[in-house]
PDB file of N, CA and C in Angstrom:
ATOM      1  N   MET A   1      94.876 109.847 150.523  1.00  0.00           N
ATOM      2  CA  MET A   1      96.270 110.146 150.695  1.00  0.00           C
ATOM      3  C   MET A   1      96.735 111.069 149.579  1.00  0.00           C
ATOM      4  N   ASN A   2      96.246 112.247 149.578  1.00  0.00           N
ATOM      5  CA  ASN A   2      96.576 113.192 148.527  1.00  0.00           C
ATOM      6  C   ASN A   2      97.832 113.997 148.814  1.00  0.00           C
ATOM      7  N   THR A   3      98.239 114.067 150.068  1.00  0.00           N
ATOM      8  CA  THR A   3      99.391 114.886 150.409  1.00  0.00           C
ATOM      9  C   THR A   3     100.673 114.076 150.280  1.00  0.00           C
ATOM     10  N   PRO A   4     101.697 114.697 149.709  1.00  0.00           N
ATOM     11  CA  PRO A   4     102.969 113.988 149.639  1.00  0.00           C
ATOM     12  C   PRO A   4     103.584 113.921 151.027  1.00  0.00           C
ATOM     13  N   GLY A   5     104.171 112.818 151.322  1.00  0.00           N
ATOM     14  CA  GLY A   5     104.805 112.658 152.620  1.00  0.00           C
ATOM     15  C   GLY A   5     105.443 111.291 152.698  1.00  0.00           C
ATOM     16  N   LYS A   6     106.006 111.006 153.828  1.00  0.00           N
ATOM     17  CA  LYS A   6     106.685 109.731 154.019  1.00  0.00           C
ATOM     18  C   LYS A   6     105.681 108.587 153.961  1.00  0.00           C
ATOM     19  N   LYS A   7     106.055 107.553 153.251  1.00  0.00           N
ATOM     20  CA  LYS A   7     105.237 106.351 153.134  1.00  0.00           C
ATOM     21  C   LYS A   7     105.969 105.194 153.801  1.00  0.00           C
ATOM     22  N   LEU A   8     105.212 104.316 154.430  1.00  0.00           N
ATOM     23  CA  LEU A   8     105.778 103.123 155.052  1.00  0.00           C
ATOM     24  C   LEU A   8     105.264 101.893 154.322  1.00  0.00           C
ATOM     25  N   SER A   9     106.137 100.935 154.100  1.00  0.00           N
ATOM     26  CA  SER A   9     105.726  99.665 153.508  1.00  0.00           C
ATOM     27  C   SER A   9     105.007  98.837 154.569  1.00  0.00           C
ATOM     28  N   SER A  10     104.349  97.783 154.128  1.00  0.00           N
ATOM     29  CA  SER A  10     103.697  96.875 155.076  1.00  0.00           C
ATOM     30  C   SER A  10     104.714  96.312 156.060  1.00  0.00           C
ATOM     31  N   THR A  11     105.890  95.977 155.563  1.00  0.00           N
ATOM     32  CA  THR A  11     106.948  95.449 156.426  1.00  0.00           C
ATOM     33  C   THR A  11     107.338  96.468 157.488  1.00  0.00           C
ATOM     34  N   ALA A  12     107.475  97.725 157.091  1.00  0.00           N
ATOM     35  CA  ALA A  12     107.844  98.780 158.043  1.00  0.00           C
ATOM     36  C   ALA A  12     106.752  98.984 159.087  1.00  0.00           C
ATOM     37  N   VAL A  13     105.494  98.870 158.675  1.00  0.00           N
ATOM     38  CA  VAL A  13     104.386  99.011 159.627  1.00  0.00           C
ATOM     39  C   VAL A  13     104.427  97.860 160.632  1.00  0.00           C
ATOM     40  N   CYS A  14     104.663  96.653 160.149  1.00  0.00           N
ATOM     41  CA  CYS A  14     104.758  95.499 161.054  1.00  0.00           C
ATOM     42  C   CYS A  14     105.899  95.685 162.048  1.00  0.00           C
ATOM     43  N   GLN A  15     107.014  96.187 161.588  1.00  0.00           N
ATOM     44  CA  GLN A  15     108.147  96.439 162.481  1.00  0.00           C
ATOM     45  C   GLN A  15     107.806  97.529 163.487  1.00  0.00           C
ATOM     46  N   ARG A  16     107.094  98.538 163.055  1.00  0.00           N
ATOM     47  CA  ARG A  16     106.721  99.648 163.940  1.00  0.00           C
ATOM     48  C   ARG A  16     105.927  99.146 165.143  1.00  0.00           C
ATOM     49  N   TYR A  17     105.033  98.188 164.909  1.00  0.00           N
ATOM     50  CA  TYR A  17     104.170  97.692 165.979  1.00  0.00           C
ATOM     51  C   TYR A  17     104.611  96.342 166.544  1.00  0.00           C
ATOM     52  N   GLY A  18     105.648  95.757 165.985  1.00  0.00           N
ATOM     53  CA  GLY A  18     106.136  94.472 166.481  1.00  0.00           C
ATOM     54  C   GLY A  18     105.131  93.354 166.273  1.00  0.00           C
ATOM     55  N   ILE A  19     104.495  93.358 165.097  1.00  0.00           N
ATOM     56  CA  ILE A  19     103.471  92.356 164.809  1.00  0.00           C
ATOM     57  C   ILE A  19     103.850  91.546 163.578  1.00  0.00           C
ATOM     58  N   HIS A  20     103.220  90.386 163.449  1.00  0.00           N
ATOM     59  CA  HIS A  20     103.417  89.514 162.294  1.00  0.00           C
ATOM     60  C   HIS A  20     102.585  90.040 161.126  1.00  0.00           C
ATOM     61  N   ARG A  21     103.017  89.744 159.913  1.00  0.00           N
ATOM     62  CA  ARG A  21     102.278  90.186 158.722  1.00  0.00           C
ATOM     63  C   ARG A  21     100.837  89.666 158.721  1.00  0.00           C
ATOM     64  N   ARG A  22     100.623  88.487 159.246  1.00  0.00           N
ATOM     65  CA  ARG A  22      99.261  87.939 159.289  1.00  0.00           C
ATOM     66  C   ARG A  22      98.385  88.781 160.217  1.00  0.00           C
ATOM     67  N   THR A  23      98.928  89.175 161.355  1.00  0.00           N
ATOM     68  CA  THR A  23      98.195  90.056 162.272  1.00  0.00           C
ATOM     69  C   THR A  23      97.868  91.364 161.575  1.00  0.00           C
ATOM     70  N   PHE A  24      98.836  91.897 160.849  1.00  0.00           N
ATOM     71  CA  PHE A  24      98.608  93.143 160.131  1.00  0.00           C
ATOM     72  C   PHE A  24      97.512  92.980 159.082  1.00  0.00           C
ATOM     73  N   GLY A  25      97.477  91.841 158.437  1.00  0.00           N
ATOM     74  CA  GLY A  25      96.404  91.564 157.475  1.00  0.00           C
ATOM     75  C   GLY A  25      95.040  91.615 158.140  1.00  0.00           C
ATOM     76  N   HIS A  26      94.952  91.102 159.364  1.00  0.00           N
ATOM     77  CA  HIS A  26      93.693  91.166 160.116  1.00  0.00           C
ATOM     78  C   HIS A  26      93.339  92.611 160.445  1.00  0.00           C
ATOM     79  N   TRP A  27      94.341  93.394 160.814  1.00  0.00           N
ATOM     80  CA  TRP A  27      94.088  94.809 161.109  1.00  0.00           C
ATOM     81  C   TRP A  27      93.494  95.504 159.894  1.00  0.00           C
ATOM     82  N   MET A  28      94.032  95.203 158.713  1.00  0.00           N
ATOM     83  CA  MET A  28      93.581  95.886 157.501  1.00  0.00           C
ATOM     84  C   MET A  28      92.164  95.484 157.103  1.00  0.00           C
ATOM     85  N   THR A  29      91.749  94.275 157.453  1.00  0.00           N
ATOM     86  CA  THR A  29      90.416  93.820 157.060  1.00  0.00           C
ATOM     87  C   THR A  29      89.375  94.001 158.156  1.00  0.00           C
ATOM     88  N   ASN A  30      89.795  94.331 159.368  1.00  0.00           N
ATOM     89  CA  ASN A  30      88.874  94.506 160.485  1.00  0.00           C
ATOM     90  C   ASN A  30      88.372  95.952 160.511  1.00  0.00           C
ATOM     91  N   ALA A  31      87.094  96.131 160.236  1.00  0.00           N
ATOM     92  CA  ALA A  31      86.514  97.483 160.183  1.00  0.00           C
ATOM     93  C   ALA A  31      86.641  98.206 161.523  1.00  0.00           C
ATOM     94  N   GLU A  32      86.593  97.481 162.633  1.00  0.00           N
ATOM     95  CA  GLU A  32      86.699  98.109 163.954  1.00  0.00           C
ATOM     96  C   GLU A  32      88.074  98.740 164.178  1.00  0.00           C
ATOM     97  N   MET A  33      89.099  98.195 163.556  1.00  0.00           N
ATOM     98  CA  MET A  33      90.446  98.757 163.697  1.00  0.00           C
ATOM     99  C   MET A  33      90.556 100.081 162.951  1.00  0.00           C
ATOM    100  N   ALA A  34      89.819 100.223 161.865  1.00  0.00           N
ATOM    101  CA  ALA A  34      89.822 101.450 161.053  1.00  0.00           C
ATOM    102  C   ALA A  34      91.241 101.877 160.667  1.00  0.00           C
ATOM    103  N   PHE A  35      92.064 100.891 160.290  1.00  0.00           N
ATOM    104  CA  PHE A  35      93.441 101.205 159.910  1.00  0.00           C
ATOM    105  C   PHE A  35      93.437 101.957 158.585  1.00  0.00           C
ATOM    106  N   PRO A  36      94.342 102.917 158.413  1.00  0.00           N
ATOM    107  CA  PRO A  36      94.380 103.701 157.170  1.00  0.00           C
ATOM    108  C   PRO A  36      94.482 102.821 155.916  1.00  0.00           C
ATOM    109  N   THR A  37      93.855 103.274 154.865  1.00  0.00           N
ATOM    110  CA  THR A  37      93.865 102.565 153.589  1.00  0.00           C
ATOM    111  C   THR A  37      95.208 102.778 152.889  1.00  0.00           C
ATOM    112  N   PRO A  38      95.783 101.693 152.366  1.00  0.00           N
ATOM    113  CA  PRO A  38      97.076 101.841 151.698  1.00  0.00           C
ATOM    114  C   PRO A  38      96.922 102.335 150.261  1.00  0.00           C
ATOM    115  N   ILE A  39      98.028 102.801 149.717  1.00  0.00           N
ATOM    116  CA  ILE A  39      98.093 102.971 148.275  1.00  0.00           C
ATOM    117  C   ILE A  39      98.870 101.762 147.773  1.00  0.00           C
ATOM    118  N   THR A  40      98.556 101.305 146.590  1.00  0.00           N
ATOM    119  CA  THR A  40      99.209 100.123 146.044  1.00  0.00           C
ATOM    120  C   THR A  40     100.041 100.521 144.835  1.00  0.00           C
ATOM    121  N   ILE A  41     101.295 100.139 144.884  1.00  0.00           N
ATOM    122  CA  ILE A  41     102.216 100.388 143.780  1.00  0.00           C
ATOM    123  C   ILE A  41     102.900  99.066 143.453  1.00  0.00           C
ATOM    124  N   ASN A  42     102.724  98.599 142.230  1.00  0.00           N
ATOM    125  CA  ASN A  42     103.315  97.317 141.808  1.00  0.00           C
ATOM    126  C   ASN A  42     102.980  96.194 142.784  1.00  0.00           C
ATOM    127  N   SER A  43     101.727  96.105 143.164  1.00  0.00           N
ATOM    128  CA  SER A  43     101.207  95.063 144.063  1.00  0.00           C
ATOM    129  C   SER A  43     101.747  95.151 145.484  1.00  0.00           C
ATOM    130  N   LYS A  44     102.373  96.250 145.853  1.00  0.00           N
ATOM    131  CA  LYS A  44     102.869  96.437 147.223  1.00  0.00           C
ATOM    132  C   LYS A  44     102.096  97.568 147.877  1.00  0.00           C
ATOM    133  N   HIS A  45     101.791  97.376 149.161  1.00  0.00           N
ATOM    134  CA  HIS A  45     101.025  98.369 149.910  1.00  0.00           C
ATOM    135  C   HIS A  45     101.961  99.341 150.618  1.00  0.00           C
ATOM    136  N   TYR A  46     101.598 100.626 150.544  1.00  0.00           N
ATOM    137  CA  TYR A  46     102.330 101.677 151.245  1.00  0.00           C
ATOM    138  C   TYR A  46     101.326 102.528 152.011  1.00  0.00           C
ATOM    139  N   PHE A  47     101.733 102.973 153.188  1.00  0.00           N
ATOM    140  CA  PHE A  47     100.851 103.716 154.077  1.00  0.00           C
ATOM    141  C   PHE A  47     101.450 105.077 154.373  1.00  0.00           C
ATOM    142  N   ASP A  48     100.599 106.081 154.366  1.00  0.00           N
ATOM    143  CA  ASP A  48     101.033 107.439 154.654  1.00  0.00           C
ATOM    144  C   ASP A  48     101.327 107.554 156.148  1.00  0.00           C
ATOM    145  N   LEU A  49     102.531 107.985 156.486  1.00  0.00           N
ATOM    146  CA  LEU A  49     102.943 108.079 157.886  1.00  0.00           C
ATOM    147  C   LEU A  49     102.039 109.020 158.673  1.00  0.00           C
ATOM    148  N   ALA A  50     101.645 110.140 158.083  1.00  0.00           N
ATOM    149  CA  ALA A  50     100.772 111.089 158.785  1.00  0.00           C
ATOM    150  C   ALA A  50      99.427 110.446 159.125  1.00  0.00           C
ATOM    151  N   GLU A  51      98.896 109.613 158.222  1.00  0.00           N
ATOM    152  CA  GLU A  51      97.632 108.926 158.495  1.00  0.00           C
ATOM    153  C   GLU A  51      97.802 107.890 159.602  1.00  0.00           C
ATOM    154  N   ILE A  52      98.932 107.202 159.606  1.00  0.00           N
ATOM    155  CA  ILE A  52      99.193 106.218 160.660  1.00  0.00           C
ATOM    156  C   ILE A  52      99.304 106.914 162.015  1.00  0.00           C
ATOM    157  N   GLU A  53      99.998 108.043 162.051  1.00  0.00           N
ATOM    158  CA  GLU A  53     100.129 108.777 163.310  1.00  0.00           C
ATOM    159  C   GLU A  53      98.773 109.302 163.784  1.00  0.00           C
ATOM    160  N   ALA A  54      97.922 109.735 162.869  1.00  0.00           N
ATOM    161  CA  ALA A  54      96.569 110.182 163.236  1.00  0.00           C
ATOM    162  C   ALA A  54      95.760 109.007 163.773  1.00  0.00           C
ATOM    163  N   TRP A  55      95.918 107.837 163.158  1.00  0.00           N
ATOM    164  CA  TRP A  55      95.234 106.626 163.618  1.00  0.00           C
ATOM    165  C   TRP A  55      95.700 106.265 165.032  1.00  0.00           C
ATOM    166  N   GLU A  56      97.000 106.371 165.285  1.00  0.00           N
ATOM    167  CA  GLU A  56      97.539 106.085 166.619  1.00  0.00           C
ATOM    168  C   GLU A  56      96.923 107.015 167.660  1.00  0.00           C
ATOM    169  N   ARG A  57      96.850 108.313 167.337  1.00  0.00           N
ATOM    170  CA  ARG A  57      96.257 109.281 168.274  1.00  0.00           C
ATOM    171  C   ARG A  57      94.787 108.961 168.535  1.00  0.00           C
ATOM    172  N   ALA A  58      94.056 108.633 167.486  1.00  0.00           N
ATOM    173  CA  ALA A  58      92.631 108.309 167.643  1.00  0.00           C
ATOM    174  C   ALA A  58      92.449 107.072 168.512  1.00  0.00           C
ATOM    175  N   ARG A  59      93.301 106.063 168.321  1.00  0.00           N
ATOM    176  CA  ARG A  59      93.222 104.843 169.145  1.00  0.00           C
ATOM    177  C   ARG A  59      93.552 105.154 170.603  1.00  0.00           C
ATOM    178  N   ALA A  60      94.550 105.993 170.832  1.00  0.00           N
ATOM    179  CA  ALA A  60      94.929 106.351 172.203  1.00  0.00           C
ATOM    180  C   ALA A  60      93.784 107.083 172.891  1.00  0.00           C
ATOM    181  N   ILE A  61      93.149 108.011 172.193  1.00  0.00           N
ATOM    182  CA  ILE A  61      92.023 108.754 172.770  1.00  0.00           C
ATOM    183  C   ILE A  61      90.865 107.810 173.065  1.00  0.00           C
ATOM    184  N   ALA A  62      90.571 106.900 172.142  1.00  0.00           N
ATOM    185  CA  ALA A  62      89.480 105.942 172.349  1.00  0.00           C
ATOM    186  C   ALA A  62      89.758 105.057 173.558  1.00  0.00           C
ATOM    187  N   ASN A  63      91.014 104.639 173.726  1.00  0.00           N
ATOM    188  CA  ASN A  63      91.367 103.804 174.874  1.00  0.00           C
ATOM    189  C   ASN A  63      91.260 104.579 176.181  1.00  0.00           C
ATOM    190  N   LEU A  64      91.618 105.856 176.169  1.00  0.00           N
ATOM    191  CA  LEU A  64      91.477 106.679 177.374  1.00  0.00           C
ATOM    192  C   LEU A  64      90.009 106.822 177.768  1.00  0.00           C
ATOM    193  N   LYS A  65      89.143 106.972 176.780  1.00  0.00           N
ATOM    194  CA  LYS A  65      87.712 107.103 177.063  1.00  0.00           C
ATOM    195  C   LYS A  65      87.150 105.818 177.657  1.00  0.00           C
ATOM    196  N   LYS A  66      87.675 104.662 177.214  1.00  0.00           N
ATOM    197  CA  LYS A  66      87.223 103.381 177.758  1.00  0.00           C
ATOM    198  C   LYS A  66      87.616 103.246 179.226  1.00  0.00           C
ATOM    199  N   VAL A  67      88.804 103.730 179.567  1.00  0.00           N
ATOM    200  CA  VAL A  67      89.321 103.616 180.933  1.00  0.00           C
ATOM    201  C   VAL A  67      88.601 104.580 181.868  1.00  0.00           C
ATOM    202  N   ALA A  68      88.268 105.750 181.374  1.00  0.00           N
ATOM    203  CA  ALA A  68      87.657 106.792 182.214  1.00  0.00           C
ATOM    204  C   ALA A  68      86.231 106.497 182.577  1.00  0.00           C
TER     205      ALA A  68
END
């Protein structure tokens, strides 16, 4: 995450997807999910919005390939 840009907190990410923090914890530790790595500031995790959007696109493409 070298580029400056909008960052989302863990809480904001959970709200974005409508998931519980525990579910989000599973996403972060599950290698198959390949969720973007956070940066940590004062023991709080922040995620680069551009990386999250790229992850969303990659997941959508992977799901389309499964259906096809």
